[in-house]
Amino acid sequence: MEFTSFKAIVRDEVERRTGDACYVRLNDIIKNNGVKLCGLTVTQEDCNISPTIYLDEYYEAYESGKATLEEVINDVMSAYRHSKATHNIEMKYFFDYGTVRKRIVYKLINTEKNKELLSDVPHIDFHDLSIVFQFLFDEDYLGSATILIHNAHLKIWGITLEELYSDAKRNTPVLNKYEIKSMSDVISEIMPQQGSVRNEIPLYVLSNKSRLQGAACILYPDLLKNFSAAIDSSLYIIPSSIHEVLLLPTDENDEAESIKQMVKEVNDTQVEAEEVLSYSVYFYNNADDKIYVC
């Protein structure tokens, strides 16, 4: 079955099961790195928050024989019930910057892969990456939901990029607290049945506690400075994904090319296209407290 027919069948069945109070539509959504996904959006008459379920992976499961069409539809309905909103968002307060400025945070994305997006959002260059901004909802209200900040928001708020960045620099380390763990500890958490894992290479994982958009932690004031001082070493910064980076202590910046080949292989085979951060490797020099592209 072609994807077009698959999408239509799933949409019609979800619409039938959700009833007359909901409107179900299909729409192409451009995600990070220009990745286009098919979203199924369910809009309730009495709610202005509409959950979107991406159908691409469901189609892959159906095509590969891992799931029947009935199982796919049941899973989509389960995803909808899990994510549907139970209340409205009062959006008028969003037009007053004074009420939202304490929830403005930043994240890092790849510049080259997001050229079209960057033409429409305020951003700051950081080597081959870009710092962009979002409004982070209170976790008790909407979980980890965010709204990406566009150029139009700055005009509505009457603020500059510098003001936005200043607020994000203050808020992000507080709202998205960082976490550094050894790779051994991370593996033990993922595979507890393996028991304690000993890693001969002193590799560390840096992210935030939610492990969402955690690569931006490398921007936190004094984070790398304090960590490198604690271990008395400069660092390779290896971009694992938009959600985390790896920190590898190093005395000399002489292994960048081999690490870069590893990053390319992992990005091309293990990381979802929309979650790739960079094919570069970075070097934090503890002598001058600066990050360089290798």
C-alpha atoms as a PDB file:
ATOM      1  CA  MET A   1       0.000   0.000   0.000  1.00  0.00           C
ATOM      2  CA  GLU A   2       1.327   3.444  -0.905  1.00  0.00           C
ATOM      3  CA  PHE A   3       1.873   6.012   1.840  1.00  0.00           C
ATOM      4  CA  THR A   4      -0.861   8.254   0.408  1.00  0.00           C
ATOM      5  CA  SER A   5      -3.503   5.531   0.753  1.00  0.00           C
ATOM      6  CA  PHE A   6      -2.182   4.495   4.161  1.00  0.00           C
ATOM      7  CA  LYS A   7      -2.468   8.055   5.498  1.00  0.00           C
ATOM      8  CA  ALA A   8      -5.997   8.456   4.205  1.00  0.00           C
ATOM      9  CA  ILE A   9      -7.182   5.191   5.764  1.00  0.00           C
ATOM     10  CA  VAL A  10      -5.649   6.009   9.137  1.00  0.00           C
ATOM     11  CA  ARG A  11      -7.104   9.533   9.086  1.00  0.00           C
ATOM     12  CA  ASP A  12     -10.612   8.322   8.220  1.00  0.00           C
ATOM     13  CA  GLU A  13     -10.578   5.645  10.903  1.00  0.00           C
ATOM     14  CA  VAL A  14      -9.240   7.992  13.594  1.00  0.00           C
ATOM     15  CA  GLU A  15     -11.910  10.510  12.622  1.00  0.00           C
ATOM     16  CA  ARG A  16     -14.594   7.836  12.918  1.00  0.00           C
ATOM     17  CA  ARG A  17     -13.343   6.716  16.335  1.00  0.00           C
ATOM     18  CA  THR A  18     -12.951  10.207  17.796  1.00  0.00           C
ATOM     19  CA  GLY A  19     -16.484  11.216  16.742  1.00  0.00           C
ATOM     20  CA  ASP A  20     -18.134  14.407  15.572  1.00  0.00           C
ATOM     21  CA  ALA A  21     -16.534  16.566  18.262  1.00  0.00           C
ATOM     22  CA  CYS A  22     -13.106  16.233  16.606  1.00  0.00           C
ATOM     23  CA  TYR A  23     -11.666  17.257  13.252  1.00  0.00           C
ATOM     24  CA  VAL A  24      -8.782  15.129  11.940  1.00  0.00           C
ATOM     25  CA  ARG A  25      -6.442  16.407   9.253  1.00  0.00           C
ATOM     26  CA  LEU A  26      -3.148  15.455   7.608  1.00  0.00           C
ATOM     27  CA  ASN A  27      -0.393  18.004   7.157  1.00  0.00           C
ATOM     28  CA  ASP A  28       3.286  17.949   6.236  1.00  0.00           C
ATOM     29  CA  ILE A  29       5.431  19.364   9.017  1.00  0.00           C
ATOM     30  CA  ILE A  30       9.024  20.545   8.618  1.00  0.00           C
ATOM     31  CA  LYS A  31      11.058  19.432  11.605  1.00  0.00           C
ATOM     32  CA  ASN A  32      14.645  20.174  12.597  1.00  0.00           C
ATOM     33  CA  ASN A  33      17.256  19.867   9.816  1.00  0.00           C
ATOM     34  CA  GLY A  34      14.536  20.325   7.182  1.00  0.00           C
ATOM     35  CA  VAL A  35      13.119  16.826   7.754  1.00  0.00           C
ATOM     36  CA  LYS A  36       9.537  16.605   6.450  1.00  0.00           C
ATOM     37  CA  LEU A  37       7.129  14.338   8.330  1.00  0.00           C
ATOM     38  CA  CYS A  38       3.446  13.596   7.886  1.00  0.00           C
ATOM     39  CA  GLY A  39       1.474  14.704  10.903  1.00  0.00           C
ATOM     40  CA  LEU A  40      -2.031  13.633  11.827  1.00  0.00           C
ATOM     41  CA  THR A  41      -3.584  16.426  13.891  1.00  0.00           C
ATOM     42  CA  VAL A  42      -6.716  15.938  15.980  1.00  0.00           C
ATOM     43  CA  THR A  43      -8.579  19.149  16.815  1.00  0.00           C
ATOM     44  CA  GLN A  44     -11.268  19.127  19.497  1.00  0.00           C
ATOM     45  CA  GLU A  45     -14.121  21.612  19.233  1.00  0.00           C
ATOM     46  CA  ASP A  46     -13.749  22.748  22.831  1.00  0.00           C
ATOM     47  CA  CYS A  47      -9.946  22.929  23.001  1.00  0.00           C
ATOM     48  CA  ASN A  48      -7.325  25.100  21.266  1.00  0.00           C
ATOM     49  CA  ILE A  49      -4.478  22.600  21.779  1.00  0.00           C
ATOM     50  CA  SER A  50      -4.207  19.978  19.036  1.00  0.00           C
ATOM     51  CA  PRO A  51      -1.939  16.930  19.445  1.00  0.00           C
ATOM     52  CA  THR A  52      -0.059  15.820  16.325  1.00  0.00           C
ATOM     53  CA  ILE A  53       0.936  12.200  15.744  1.00  0.00           C
ATOM     54  CA  TYR A  54       3.607  11.531  13.107  1.00  0.00           C
ATOM     55  CA  LEU A  55       2.691   8.669  10.789  1.00  0.00           C
ATOM     56  CA  ASP A  56       6.004   7.985   9.051  1.00  0.00           C
ATOM     57  CA  GLU A  57       7.291   5.418  11.559  1.00  0.00           C
ATOM     58  CA  TYR A  58       3.874   3.751  11.721  1.00  0.00           C
ATOM     59  CA  TYR A  59       3.988   3.331   7.953  1.00  0.00           C
ATOM     60  CA  GLU A  60       7.471   1.827   8.132  1.00  0.00           C
ATOM     61  CA  ALA A  61       6.239  -0.673  10.734  1.00  0.00           C
ATOM     62  CA  TYR A  62       3.262  -1.562   8.533  1.00  0.00           C
ATOM     63  CA  GLU A  63       5.350  -1.903   5.363  1.00  0.00           C
ATOM     64  CA  SER A  64       7.942  -4.091   7.098  1.00  0.00           C
ATOM     65  CA  GLY A  65       5.252  -6.401   8.464  1.00  0.00           C
ATOM     66  CA  LYS A  66       5.960  -5.490  12.095  1.00  0.00           C
ATOM     67  CA  ALA A  67       2.394  -4.218  12.563  1.00  0.00           C
ATOM     68  CA  THR A  68      -0.959  -4.769  10.885  1.00  0.00           C
ATOM     69  CA  LEU A  69      -3.102  -1.845   9.805  1.00  0.00           C
ATOM     70  CA  GLU A  70      -5.456  -2.496  12.721  1.00  0.00           C
ATOM     71  CA  GLU A  71      -2.537  -2.471  15.163  1.00  0.00           C
ATOM     72  CA  VAL A  72      -1.264   0.777  13.676  1.00  0.00           C
ATOM     73  CA  ILE A  73      -4.652   2.459  14.087  1.00  0.00           C
ATOM     74  CA  ASN A  74      -4.949   1.194  17.658  1.00  0.00           C
ATOM     75  CA  ASP A  75      -1.472   2.547  18.436  1.00  0.00           C
ATOM     76  CA  VAL A  76      -2.301   5.933  16.869  1.00  0.00           C
ATOM     77  CA  MET A  77      -5.474   6.126  18.951  1.00  0.00           C
ATOM     78  CA  SER A  78      -3.493   5.233  22.060  1.00  0.00           C
ATOM     79  CA  ALA A  79      -0.975   7.988  21.253  1.00  0.00           C
ATOM     80  CA  TYR A  80      -3.832  10.452  20.783  1.00  0.00           C
ATOM     81  CA  ARG A  81      -5.482   9.565  24.095  1.00  0.00           C
ATOM     82  CA  HIS A  82      -2.115   9.907  25.856  1.00  0.00           C
ATOM     83  CA  SER A  83      -1.317  13.317  24.360  1.00  0.00           C
ATOM     84  CA  LYS A  84      -4.705  15.016  24.009  1.00  0.00           C
ATOM     85  CA  ALA A  85      -5.161  18.190  26.003  1.00  0.00           C
ATOM     86  CA  THR A  86      -7.667  18.525  28.797  1.00  0.00           C
ATOM     87  CA  HIS A  87      -7.713  22.327  28.912  1.00  0.00           C
ATOM     88  CA  ASN A  88      -7.185  25.400  26.727  1.00  0.00           C
ATOM     89  CA  ILE A  89      -4.156  27.641  26.607  1.00  0.00           C
ATOM     90  CA  GLU A  90      -4.864  31.308  27.234  1.00  0.00           C
ATOM     91  CA  MET A  91      -2.750  32.767  24.443  1.00  0.00           C
ATOM     92  CA  LYS A  92      -3.414  36.472  24.935  1.00  0.00           C
ATOM     93  CA  TYR A  93      -0.794  36.662  27.695  1.00  0.00           C
ATOM     94  CA  PHE A  94       1.784  35.453  25.162  1.00  0.00           C
ATOM     95  CA  PHE A  95       1.608  38.844  23.441  1.00  0.00           C
ATOM     96  CA  ASP A  96       3.029  40.555  26.534  1.00  0.00           C
ATOM     97  CA  TYR A  97       6.751  39.935  26.761  1.00  0.00           C
ATOM     98  CA  GLY A  98       6.731  40.792  30.440  1.00  0.00           C
ATOM     99  CA  THR A  99       4.671  37.671  31.146  1.00  0.00           C
ATOM    100  CA  VAL A 100       6.767  35.259  29.044  1.00  0.00           C
ATOM    101  CA  ARG A 101      10.351  36.492  29.382  1.00  0.00           C
ATOM    102  CA  LYS A 102      11.111  34.260  32.386  1.00  0.00           C
ATOM    103  CA  ARG A 103      10.342  31.146  30.273  1.00  0.00           C
ATOM    104  CA  ILE A 104      12.504  32.010  27.232  1.00  0.00           C
ATOM    105  CA  VAL A 105      15.259  29.435  26.674  1.00  0.00           C
ATOM    106  CA  TYR A 106      17.699  28.585  23.898  1.00  0.00           C
ATOM    107  CA  LYS A 107      18.716  25.470  21.970  1.00  0.00           C
ATOM    108  CA  LEU A 108      21.364  24.596  19.371  1.00  0.00           C
ATOM    109  CA  ILE A 109      20.661  23.528  15.787  1.00  0.00           C
ATOM    110  CA  ASN A 110      22.759  22.939  12.677  1.00  0.00           C
ATOM    111  CA  THR A 111      23.072  26.108  10.596  1.00  0.00           C
ATOM    112  CA  GLU A 112      23.535  24.576   7.134  1.00  0.00           C
ATOM    113  CA  LYS A 113      20.654  22.109   7.517  1.00  0.00           C
ATOM    114  CA  ASN A 114      18.228  24.784   8.762  1.00  0.00           C
ATOM    115  CA  LYS A 115      18.821  27.681   6.367  1.00  0.00           C
ATOM    116  CA  GLU A 116      15.152  28.107   5.511  1.00  0.00           C
ATOM    117  CA  LEU A 117      14.059  28.077   9.133  1.00  0.00           C
ATOM    118  CA  LEU A 118      16.790  30.501  10.178  1.00  0.00           C
ATOM    119  CA  SER A 119      15.516  33.084   7.703  1.00  0.00           C
ATOM    120  CA  ASP A 120      12.362  33.311   9.823  1.00  0.00           C
ATOM    121  CA  VAL A 121      13.642  33.014  13.395  1.00  0.00           C
ATOM    122  CA  PRO A 122      15.957  35.179  15.516  1.00  0.00           C
ATOM    123  CA  HIS A 123      19.276  33.418  15.970  1.00  0.00           C
ATOM    124  CA  ILE A 124      22.917  33.829  16.926  1.00  0.00           C
ATOM    125  CA  ASP A 125      25.772  32.120  15.109  1.00  0.00           C
ATOM    126  CA  PHE A 126      27.940  29.720  17.099  1.00  0.00           C
ATOM    127  CA  HIS A 127      30.602  28.190  14.852  1.00  0.00           C
ATOM    128  CA  ASP A 128      28.670  25.956  12.389  1.00  0.00           C
ATOM    129  CA  LEU A 129      25.657  25.930  14.712  1.00  0.00           C
ATOM    130  CA  SER A 130      22.940  28.443  15.514  1.00  0.00           C
ATOM    131  CA  ILE A 131      21.414  29.419  18.834  1.00  0.00           C
ATOM    132  CA  VAL A 132      17.629  29.724  18.485  1.00  0.00           C
ATOM    133  CA  PHE A 133      14.992  30.472  21.080  1.00  0.00           C
ATOM    134  CA  GLN A 134      11.773  29.014  22.397  1.00  0.00           C
ATOM    135  CA  PHE A 135       9.151  29.566  25.059  1.00  0.00           C
ATOM    136  CA  LEU A 136       9.125  26.689  27.538  1.00  0.00           C
ATOM    137  CA  PHE A 137       5.774  25.891  29.110  1.00  0.00           C
ATOM    138  CA  ASP A 138       5.642  25.075  32.790  1.00  0.00           C
ATOM    139  CA  GLU A 139       6.218  21.334  33.147  1.00  0.00           C
ATOM    140  CA  ASP A 140       3.170  20.920  35.377  1.00  0.00           C
ATOM    141  CA  TYR A 141       1.019  22.568  32.726  1.00  0.00           C
ATOM    142  CA  LEU A 142       2.070  21.052  29.415  1.00  0.00           C
ATOM    143  CA  GLY A 143       5.034  18.814  30.119  1.00  0.00           C
ATOM    144  CA  SER A 144       8.044  19.759  27.983  1.00  0.00           C
ATOM    145  CA  ALA A 145       6.040  21.618  25.301  1.00  0.00           C
ATOM    146  CA  THR A 146       7.660  24.639  23.653  1.00  0.00           C
ATOM    147  CA  ILE A 147       6.855  27.385  21.159  1.00  0.00           C
ATOM    148  CA  LEU A 148       9.642  28.353  18.765  1.00  0.00           C
ATOM    149  CA  ILE A 149      10.290  32.107  18.732  1.00  0.00           C
ATOM    150  CA  HIS A 150       9.969  33.723  15.276  1.00  0.00           C
ATOM    151  CA  ASN A 151      10.994  37.151  14.021  1.00  0.00           C
ATOM    152  CA  ALA A 152       7.330  38.191  14.186  1.00  0.00           C
ATOM    153  CA  HIS A 153       7.331  37.632  17.946  1.00  0.00           C
ATOM    154  CA  LEU A 154      10.136  40.166  18.407  1.00  0.00           C
ATOM    155  CA  LYS A 155       8.111  42.750  16.465  1.00  0.00           C
ATOM    156  CA  ILE A 156       4.999  42.067  18.554  1.00  0.00           C
ATOM    157  CA  TRP A 157       6.993  42.287  21.789  1.00  0.00           C
ATOM    158  CA  GLY A 158       9.030  45.293  20.666  1.00  0.00           C
ATOM    159  CA  ILE A 159      12.326  43.787  21.813  1.00  0.00           C
ATOM    160  CA  THR A 160      15.728  43.166  20.256  1.00  0.00           C
ATOM    161  CA  LEU A 161      17.612  39.943  19.660  1.00  0.00           C
ATOM    162  CA  GLU A 162      20.091  41.027  22.313  1.00  0.00           C
ATOM    163  CA  GLU A 163      17.328  41.307  24.929  1.00  0.00           C
ATOM    164  CA  LEU A 164      15.970  37.891  23.948  1.00  0.00           C
ATOM    165  CA  TYR A 165      19.424  36.320  24.209  1.00  0.00           C
ATOM    166  CA  SER A 166      20.082  37.980  27.560  1.00  0.00           C
ATOM    167  CA  ASP A 167      16.901  36.495  29.034  1.00  0.00           C
ATOM    168  CA  ALA A 168      17.590  33.070  27.520  1.00  0.00           C
ATOM    169  CA  LYS A 169      21.136  33.036  28.939  1.00  0.00           C
ATOM    170  CA  ARG A 170      19.735  33.700  32.396  1.00  0.00           C
ATOM    171  CA  ASN A 171      16.781  31.277  32.154  1.00  0.00           C
ATOM    172  CA  THR A 172      18.098  28.215  30.353  1.00  0.00           C
ATOM    173  CA  PRO A 173      20.598  26.951  32.957  1.00  0.00           C
ATOM    174  CA  VAL A 174      17.907  27.390  35.634  1.00  0.00           C
ATOM    175  CA  LEU A 175      14.935  25.853  33.805  1.00  0.00           C
ATOM    176  CA  ASN A 176      16.983  23.126  32.057  1.00  0.00           C
ATOM    177  CA  LYS A 177      19.539  22.158  34.675  1.00  0.00           C
ATOM    178  CA  TYR A 178      22.576  20.329  33.329  1.00  0.00           C
ATOM    179  CA  GLU A 179      23.731  16.831  34.144  1.00  0.00           C
ATOM    180  CA  ILE A 180      27.141  15.230  33.523  1.00  0.00           C
ATOM    181  CA  LYS A 181      27.477  11.466  33.888  1.00  0.00           C
ATOM    182  CA  SER A 182      30.218   9.049  32.986  1.00  0.00           C
ATOM    183  CA  MET A 183      29.468   6.870  29.989  1.00  0.00           C
ATOM    184  CA  SER A 184      29.762   3.834  32.268  1.00  0.00           C
ATOM    185  CA  ASP A 185      26.961   5.137  34.483  1.00  0.00           C
ATOM    186  CA  VAL A 186      24.761   5.934  31.492  1.00  0.00           C
ATOM    187  CA  ILE A 187      25.213   2.427  30.061  1.00  0.00           C
ATOM    188  CA  SER A 188      24.425   0.923  33.459  1.00  0.00           C
ATOM    189  CA  GLU A 189      21.203   2.951  33.587  1.00  0.00           C
ATOM    190  CA  ILE A 190      20.161   1.857  30.098  1.00  0.00           C
ATOM    191  CA  MET A 191      21.101  -1.791  30.626  1.00  0.00           C
ATOM    192  CA  PRO A 192      20.832  -2.476  34.383  1.00  0.00           C
ATOM    193  CA  GLN A 193      20.945  -6.225  33.734  1.00  0.00           C
ATOM    194  CA  GLN A 194      24.600  -5.807  32.737  1.00  0.00           C
ATOM    195  CA  GLY A 195      25.502  -4.650  36.236  1.00  0.00           C
ATOM    196  CA  SER A 196      28.319  -2.186  36.727  1.00  0.00           C
ATOM    197  CA  VAL A 197      30.046  -1.314  33.456  1.00  0.00           C
ATOM    198  CA  ARG A 198      33.669  -0.237  33.384  1.00  0.00           C
ATOM    199  CA  ASN A 199      34.686   1.973  30.479  1.00  0.00           C
ATOM    200  CA  GLU A 200      38.419   2.206  29.838  1.00  0.00           C
ATOM    201  CA  ILE A 201      38.000   5.533  28.015  1.00  0.00           C
ATOM    202  CA  PRO A 202      37.109   8.416  30.382  1.00  0.00           C
ATOM    203  CA  LEU A 203      34.063   9.569  28.417  1.00  0.00           C
ATOM    204  CA  TYR A 204      31.287  11.745  29.851  1.00  0.00           C
ATOM    205  CA  VAL A 205      27.747  12.550  28.705  1.00  0.00           C
ATOM    206  CA  LEU A 206      26.537  16.139  29.044  1.00  0.00           C
ATOM    207  CA  SER A 207      22.835  16.951  28.732  1.00  0.00           C
ATOM    208  CA  ASN A 208      20.041  18.542  30.751  1.00  0.00           C
ATOM    209  CA  LYS A 209      17.928  16.581  33.216  1.00  0.00           C
ATOM    210  CA  SER A 210      15.065  16.157  30.722  1.00  0.00           C
ATOM    211  CA  ARG A 211      17.558  15.008  28.052  1.00  0.00           C
ATOM    212  CA  LEU A 212      15.773  17.172  25.493  1.00  0.00           C
ATOM    213  CA  GLN A 213      17.806  19.719  23.494  1.00  0.00           C
ATOM    214  CA  GLY A 214      20.602  19.126  25.998  1.00  0.00           C
ATOM    215  CA  ALA A 215      23.468  19.887  23.601  1.00  0.00           C
ATOM    216  CA  ALA A 216      22.877  23.553  24.436  1.00  0.00           C
ATOM    217  CA  CYS A 217      24.426  22.911  27.856  1.00  0.00           C
ATOM    218  CA  ILE A 218      27.849  23.598  26.339  1.00  0.00           C
ATOM    219  CA  LEU A 219      26.793  27.265  26.314  1.00  0.00           C
ATOM    220  CA  TYR A 220      26.099  27.448  30.055  1.00  0.00           C
ATOM    221  CA  PRO A 221      28.384  29.960  31.790  1.00  0.00           C
ATOM    222  CA  ASP A 222      31.447  28.332  33.397  1.00  0.00           C
ATOM    223  CA  LEU A 223      30.108  24.787  32.970  1.00  0.00           C
ATOM    224  CA  LEU A 224      32.969  23.544  30.804  1.00  0.00           C
ATOM    225  CA  LYS A 225      35.449  25.700  32.683  1.00  0.00           C
ATOM    226  CA  ASN A 226      34.533  24.165  36.037  1.00  0.00           C
ATOM    227  CA  PHE A 227      34.327  20.619  34.724  1.00  0.00           C
ATOM    228  CA  SER A 228      37.692  20.804  32.940  1.00  0.00           C
ATOM    229  CA  ALA A 229      39.244  22.263  36.101  1.00  0.00           C
ATOM    230  CA  ALA A 230      37.839  19.390  38.150  1.00  0.00           C
ATOM    231  CA  ILE A 231      39.462  16.806  35.879  1.00  0.00           C
ATOM    232  CA  ASP A 232      42.452  19.025  34.994  1.00  0.00           C
ATOM    233  CA  SER A 233      42.107  18.577  31.249  1.00  0.00           C
ATOM    234  CA  SER A 234      40.934  20.201  28.042  1.00  0.00           C
ATOM    235  CA  LEU A 235      38.055  18.494  26.274  1.00  0.00           C
ATOM    236  CA  TYR A 236      36.872  17.211  22.964  1.00  0.00           C
ATOM    237  CA  ILE A 237      33.178  18.026  22.572  1.00  0.00           C
ATOM    238  CA  ILE A 238      31.594  15.294  20.454  1.00  0.00           C
ATOM    239  CA  PRO A 239      28.085  16.065  19.115  1.00  0.00           C
ATOM    240  CA  SER A 240      26.051  12.961  19.881  1.00  0.00           C
ATOM    241  CA  SER A 241      22.752  14.617  18.885  1.00  0.00           C
ATOM    242  CA  ILE A 242      20.737  17.780  19.534  1.00  0.00           C
ATOM    243  CA  HIS A 243      19.950  16.234  22.918  1.00  0.00           C
ATOM    244  CA  GLU A 244      23.431  15.586  24.279  1.00  0.00           C
ATOM    245  CA  VAL A 245      27.173  15.836  23.686  1.00  0.00           C
ATOM    246  CA  LEU A 246      30.052  13.643  24.770  1.00  0.00           C
ATOM    247  CA  LEU A 247      33.028  15.090  26.623  1.00  0.00           C
ATOM    248  CA  LEU A 248      36.391  13.404  26.105  1.00  0.00           C
ATOM    249  CA  PRO A 249      39.328  14.641  28.202  1.00  0.00           C
ATOM    250  CA  THR A 250      42.444  15.285  26.135  1.00  0.00           C
ATOM    251  CA  ASP A 251      45.882  16.746  26.720  1.00  0.00           C
ATOM    252  CA  GLU A 252      46.480  17.530  23.050  1.00  0.00           C
ATOM    253  CA  ASN A 253      44.153  18.290  20.157  1.00  0.00           C
ATOM    254  CA  ASP A 254      45.559  15.563  17.900  1.00  0.00           C
ATOM    255  CA  GLU A 255      42.759  13.010  17.440  1.00  0.00           C
ATOM    256  CA  ALA A 256      40.116  15.200  15.847  1.00  0.00           C
ATOM    257  CA  GLU A 257      40.131  13.549  12.423  1.00  0.00           C
ATOM    258  CA  SER A 258      39.542  10.041  13.718  1.00  0.00           C
ATOM    259  CA  ILE A 259      36.798  11.292  16.054  1.00  0.00           C
ATOM    260  CA  LYS A 260      35.232  13.171  13.146  1.00  0.00           C
ATOM    261  CA  GLN A 261      35.031   9.947  11.142  1.00  0.00           C
ATOM    262  CA  MET A 262      33.293   8.280  14.078  1.00  0.00           C
ATOM    263  CA  VAL A 263      30.802  11.162  14.339  1.00  0.00           C
ATOM    264  CA  LYS A 264      29.978  10.854  10.647  1.00  0.00           C
ATOM    265  CA  GLU A 265      29.397   7.117  10.873  1.00  0.00           C
ATOM    266  CA  VAL A 266      27.177   7.438  13.942  1.00  0.00           C
ATOM    267  CA  ASN A 267      25.184  10.338  12.456  1.00  0.00           C
ATOM    268  CA  ASP A 268      24.618   8.434   9.207  1.00  0.00           C
ATOM    269  CA  THR A 269      23.636   5.119  10.775  1.00  0.00           C
ATOM    270  CA  GLN A 270      22.417   5.628  14.348  1.00  0.00           C
ATOM    271  CA  VAL A 271      20.929   9.104  14.733  1.00  0.00           C
ATOM    272  CA  GLU A 272      17.527  10.160  13.406  1.00  0.00           C
ATOM    273  CA  ALA A 273      17.967  12.758  10.634  1.00  0.00           C
ATOM    274  CA  GLU A 274      16.034  15.396  12.565  1.00  0.00           C
ATOM    275  CA  GLU A 275      18.223  14.879  15.663  1.00  0.00           C
ATOM    276  CA  VAL A 276      21.657  15.299  14.042  1.00  0.00           C
ATOM    277  CA  LEU A 277      23.470  18.281  15.530  1.00  0.00           C
ATOM    278  CA  SER A 278      26.734  18.462  13.591  1.00  0.00           C
ATOM    279  CA  TYR A 279      29.389  16.527  11.703  1.00  0.00           C
ATOM    280  CA  SER A 280      32.076  18.657  13.321  1.00  0.00           C
ATOM    281  CA  VAL A 281      34.140  17.965  16.418  1.00  0.00           C
ATOM    282  CA  TYR A 282      34.835  20.746  18.892  1.00  0.00           C
ATOM    283  CA  PHE A 283      37.722  21.394  21.254  1.00  0.00           C
ATOM    284  CA  TYR A 284      37.405  23.184  24.577  1.00  0.00           C
ATOM    285  CA  ASN A 285      40.754  24.669  25.555  1.00  0.00           C
ATOM    286  CA  ASN A 286      40.971  25.036  29.315  1.00  0.00           C
ATOM    287  CA  ALA A 287      43.895  27.445  28.911  1.00  0.00           C
ATOM    288  CA  ASP A 288      41.768  30.212  27.396  1.00  0.00           C
ATOM    289  CA  ASP A 289      38.221  28.975  28.236  1.00  0.00           C
ATOM    290  CA  LYS A 290      37.143  28.867  24.572  1.00  0.00           C
ATOM    291  CA  ILE A 291      35.515  26.380  22.209  1.00  0.00           C
ATOM    292  CA  TYR A 292      37.051  25.802  18.792  1.00  0.00           C
ATOM    293  CA  VAL A 293      35.997  23.772  15.746  1.00  0.00           C
ATOM    294  CA  CYS A 294      38.627  21.114  15.055  1.00  0.00           C
END
